[in-house]
């Protein structure tokens, strides 16, 4: 009887700890959401690393992006992608080609910057994870576990600057052993932008092939 009572107490303390941890994680994520929502716009550089040690694969790329609401301008892999709130324009200078698509068609690069800043709000269970000091910045990681069965993603780690309440790093652990890391840097907020910053001007590309 004593053993059963002890086991029950252990389980109670364990689940209570998980609940408190989850509440702390949700509170921090809410603070990040509030901070980001208060900005008129946000501009940042990013580095992207894909690594699978079992397959001896490592790919590294970088880019820059400016986000304002749903609209964004992304420079990545030598190309430019712009979403004006209605259509997505992908300009590839190497091929002198422009692809115009609707949002529901999917992202050519597999990255939607506007979603990057709030994707974690739905579809995940949260756990408090490790805290690291990175270049003098206190970064608290929150573990995001897909609430629905996801055969491709085991979990994600979202690194948050606890002083600025902004996203610093996103790590995705794939079920096949692939690890992708997205790190944000040089973040600027409320940048002064031209009125036509998110407007696509086809006249700038007179010799480009346009794929609708």
Protein backbone atom coordinates (compact mmCIF):
# COMPACT_ATOMS: atom_id res chain seq x y z
CA UNK A 1 0.00 0.00 0.00
CA UNK A 2 2.85 2.34 0.87
CA UNK A 3 4.49 1.57 -2.52
CA UNK A 4 1.24 2.37 -4.37
CA UNK A 5 0.90 5.66 -2.47
CA UNK A 6 4.54 6.55 -3.25
CA UNK A 7 4.08 5.71 -6.94
CA UNK A 8 0.92 7.82 -7.08
CA UNK A 9 2.74 10.74 -5.45
CA UNK A 10 5.59 10.48 -7.95
CA UNK A 11 3.17 10.50 -10.88
CA UNK A 12 1.32 13.50 -9.43
CA UNK A 13 4.55 15.47 -8.98
CA UNK A 14 5.74 14.50 -12.46
CA UNK A 15 2.55 15.60 -14.24
CA UNK A 16 2.33 18.75 -12.11
CA UNK A 17 5.87 19.62 -13.19
CA UNK A 18 4.98 19.10 -16.85
CA UNK A 19 1.89 21.30 -16.51
CA UNK A 20 3.90 24.11 -14.88
CA UNK A 21 6.60 23.78 -17.52
CA UNK A 22 4.05 23.95 -20.33
CA UNK A 23 2.45 27.03 -18.79
CA UNK A 24 5.84 28.76 -18.61
CA UNK A 25 6.51 27.86 -22.26
CA UNK A 26 3.11 29.15 -23.38
CA UNK A 27 3.57 32.37 -21.39
CA UNK A 28 6.93 33.04 -23.05
CA UNK A 29 5.52 32.30 -26.52
CA UNK A 30 2.61 34.67 -25.85
CA UNK A 31 5.08 37.40 -24.89
CA UNK A 32 6.96 36.82 -28.15
CA UNK A 33 3.71 37.05 -30.13
CA UNK A 34 2.77 40.32 -28.42
CA UNK A 35 6.23 41.78 -29.07
CA UNK A 36 6.21 40.87 -32.76
CA UNK A 37 2.61 42.07 -33.23
CA UNK A 38 3.57 45.50 -31.89
CA UNK A 39 6.09 46.06 -34.70
CA UNK A 40 4.98 47.83 -37.86
CA UNK A 41 7.55 45.78 -39.76
CA UNK A 42 10.60 43.63 -39.16
CA UNK A 43 13.78 43.10 -41.16
CA UNK A 44 16.45 40.48 -40.50
CA UNK A 45 19.22 38.35 -41.97
CA UNK A 46 19.11 34.60 -41.58
CA UNK A 47 21.33 31.55 -42.01
CA UNK A 48 19.91 28.16 -42.89
CA UNK A 49 21.72 24.87 -42.30
CA UNK A 50 20.50 21.40 -43.28
CA UNK A 51 22.48 18.48 -41.88
CA UNK A 52 22.13 14.71 -41.92
CA UNK A 53 25.20 13.00 -40.48
CA UNK A 54 24.01 9.52 -41.45
CA UNK A 55 23.82 10.57 -45.10
CA UNK A 56 26.92 12.80 -44.84
CA UNK A 57 24.92 15.82 -46.00
CA UNK A 58 25.48 19.41 -44.93
CA UNK A 59 24.09 22.42 -46.78
CA UNK A 60 24.39 26.04 -45.70
CA UNK A 61 22.68 29.09 -47.18
CA UNK A 62 21.75 32.58 -46.04
CA UNK A 63 19.40 35.37 -46.94
CA UNK A 64 17.58 38.52 -45.88
CA UNK A 65 13.91 39.30 -45.41
CA UNK A 66 11.59 42.18 -44.61
CA UNK A 67 8.12 41.43 -43.23
CA UNK A 68 5.15 43.74 -42.76
CA UNK A 69 1.93 42.00 -41.80
CA UNK A 70 1.37 39.27 -44.38
CA UNK A 71 3.57 40.96 -46.97
CA UNK A 72 7.25 40.18 -47.31
CA UNK A 73 10.31 40.51 -49.53
CA UNK A 74 12.80 37.65 -49.37
CA UNK A 75 16.29 37.41 -50.87
CA UNK A 76 17.42 33.78 -50.88
CA UNK A 77 19.49 31.42 -53.07
CA UNK A 78 20.31 34.21 -55.50
CA UNK A 79 16.64 34.91 -56.14
CA UNK A 80 14.01 37.32 -54.85
CA UNK A 81 10.55 36.41 -53.66
CA UNK A 82 7.92 39.04 -52.97
CA UNK A 83 4.40 38.65 -51.59
CA UNK A 84 2.26 41.78 -51.97
CA UNK A 85 -0.68 40.46 -49.98
CA UNK A 86 -2.36 38.84 -52.99
CA UNK A 87 0.21 37.13 -55.19
CA UNK A 88 3.71 35.74 -54.82
CA UNK A 89 6.38 36.84 -57.30
CA UNK A 90 9.57 34.79 -57.56
CA UNK A 91 12.34 36.42 -59.61
CA UNK A 92 15.28 34.22 -60.66
CA UNK A 93 17.93 36.38 -62.42
CA UNK A 94 20.03 33.34 -63.37
CA UNK A 95 17.21 32.04 -65.58
CA UNK A 96 15.71 35.46 -66.36
CA UNK A 97 12.39 34.03 -65.23
CA UNK A 98 9.55 35.28 -63.06
CA UNK A 99 6.94 32.97 -61.54
CA UNK A 100 3.65 34.49 -60.38
CA UNK A 101 1.53 32.32 -58.10
CA UNK A 102 -1.24 32.42 -55.52
CA UNK A 103 -0.44 31.78 -51.83
CA UNK A 104 -2.34 28.50 -51.84
CA UNK A 105 0.00 27.19 -54.54
CA UNK A 106 2.77 26.88 -51.95
CA UNK A 107 6.10 28.61 -51.43
CA UNK A 108 8.83 28.01 -54.01
CA UNK A 109 11.56 28.11 -51.37
CA UNK A 110 9.62 26.27 -48.68
CA UNK A 111 9.89 29.35 -46.48
CA UNK A 112 7.13 31.81 -45.67
CA UNK A 113 8.66 34.59 -43.55
CA UNK A 114 5.33 35.89 -42.25
CA UNK A 115 4.45 32.39 -41.03
CA UNK A 116 7.91 31.95 -39.52
CA UNK A 117 7.08 34.57 -36.93
CA UNK A 118 3.85 32.96 -35.70
CA UNK A 119 3.74 29.35 -36.97
CA UNK A 120 4.07 27.99 -33.45
CA UNK A 121 0.71 29.32 -32.27
CA UNK A 122 -1.25 26.25 -33.40
CA UNK A 123 -0.63 22.53 -33.85
CA UNK A 124 1.97 21.96 -31.15
CA UNK A 125 2.36 20.88 -27.55
CA UNK A 126 4.98 22.86 -25.62
CA UNK A 127 7.73 21.92 -23.18
CA UNK A 128 10.33 24.03 -21.40
CA UNK A 129 13.81 23.07 -22.62
CA UNK A 130 17.41 24.19 -22.05
CA UNK A 131 18.64 27.75 -21.61
CA UNK A 132 21.91 28.80 -23.24
CA UNK A 133 24.09 31.88 -23.24
CA UNK A 134 24.87 32.58 -26.91
CA UNK A 135 27.21 35.50 -27.59
CA UNK A 136 26.14 37.05 -24.30
CA UNK A 137 22.42 36.65 -25.07
CA UNK A 138 20.22 34.49 -22.81
CA UNK A 139 18.39 32.12 -25.16
CA UNK A 140 15.59 29.98 -23.76
CA UNK A 141 14.54 27.03 -25.89
CA UNK A 142 10.97 25.77 -26.02
CA UNK A 143 10.34 22.29 -27.38
CA UNK A 144 7.46 22.09 -29.84
CA UNK A 145 5.98 18.64 -30.37
CA UNK A 146 3.49 18.28 -33.24
CA UNK A 147 0.08 17.57 -31.70
CA UNK A 148 -1.01 15.72 -34.84
CA UNK A 149 0.88 12.72 -36.17
CA UNK A 150 3.71 14.03 -38.33
CA UNK A 151 5.87 11.40 -39.98
CA UNK A 152 8.47 13.92 -41.13
CA UNK A 153 9.04 16.03 -38.02
CA UNK A 154 9.85 14.59 -34.58
CA UNK A 155 9.99 17.96 -32.80
CA UNK A 156 11.24 21.53 -33.03
CA UNK A 157 13.28 23.70 -30.71
CA UNK A 158 12.44 27.39 -30.74
CA UNK A 159 15.18 29.57 -29.24
CA UNK A 160 13.93 32.85 -27.78
CA UNK A 161 15.92 35.86 -26.62
CA UNK A 162 14.35 36.25 -23.17
CA UNK A 163 15.40 39.90 -22.86
CA UNK A 164 14.10 41.11 -26.22
CA UNK A 165 11.28 38.53 -26.48
CA UNK A 166 12.19 37.77 -30.08
CA UNK A 167 12.95 34.59 -32.01
CA UNK A 168 16.65 33.83 -32.32
CA UNK A 169 16.82 30.28 -33.65
CA UNK A 170 14.56 27.50 -34.92
CA UNK A 171 15.81 23.90 -34.99
CA UNK A 172 13.77 21.17 -36.66
CA UNK A 173 14.56 17.53 -35.92
CA UNK A 174 13.29 15.27 -38.66
CA UNK A 175 12.25 11.68 -38.11
CA UNK A 176 14.85 10.63 -40.69
CA UNK A 177 17.69 12.18 -38.68
CA UNK A 178 17.82 15.43 -40.63
CA UNK A 179 18.46 18.54 -38.57
CA UNK A 180 17.67 21.98 -40.00
CA UNK A 181 18.68 25.15 -38.20
CA UNK A 182 17.42 28.64 -38.99
CA UNK A 183 19.17 31.48 -37.16
CA UNK A 184 18.00 35.10 -37.25
CA UNK A 185 20.44 38.00 -36.94
CA UNK A 186 20.68 41.77 -37.43
CA UNK A 187 17.01 42.21 -36.58
CA UNK A 188 15.66 45.72 -37.23
CA UNK A 189 12.15 46.88 -36.38
CA UNK A 190 9.87 49.66 -37.64
CA UNK A 191 12.12 50.32 -40.63
CA UNK A 192 11.22 53.23 -42.91
CA UNK A 193 10.09 51.64 -46.19
CA UNK A 194 9.12 53.17 -49.52
CA UNK A 195 5.39 53.07 -50.30
CA UNK A 196 6.01 50.70 -53.21
CA UNK A 197 8.46 48.46 -51.32
CA UNK A 198 6.13 45.45 -51.54
CA UNK A 199 4.82 46.29 -55.02
CA UNK A 200 5.98 44.19 -57.96
CA UNK A 201 7.02 46.25 -61.00
CA UNK A 202 7.17 44.09 -64.13
CA UNK A 203 8.74 46.95 -66.13
CA UNK A 204 12.00 46.33 -64.27
CA UNK A 205 12.32 42.97 -66.07
CA UNK A 206 11.68 43.64 -69.78
CA UNK A 207 13.46 40.53 -71.08
CA UNK A 208 12.29 38.05 -68.44
CA UNK A 209 10.00 35.14 -69.16
CA UNK A 210 6.89 35.37 -66.98
CA UNK A 211 5.36 32.10 -65.84
CA UNK A 212 1.78 32.42 -64.62
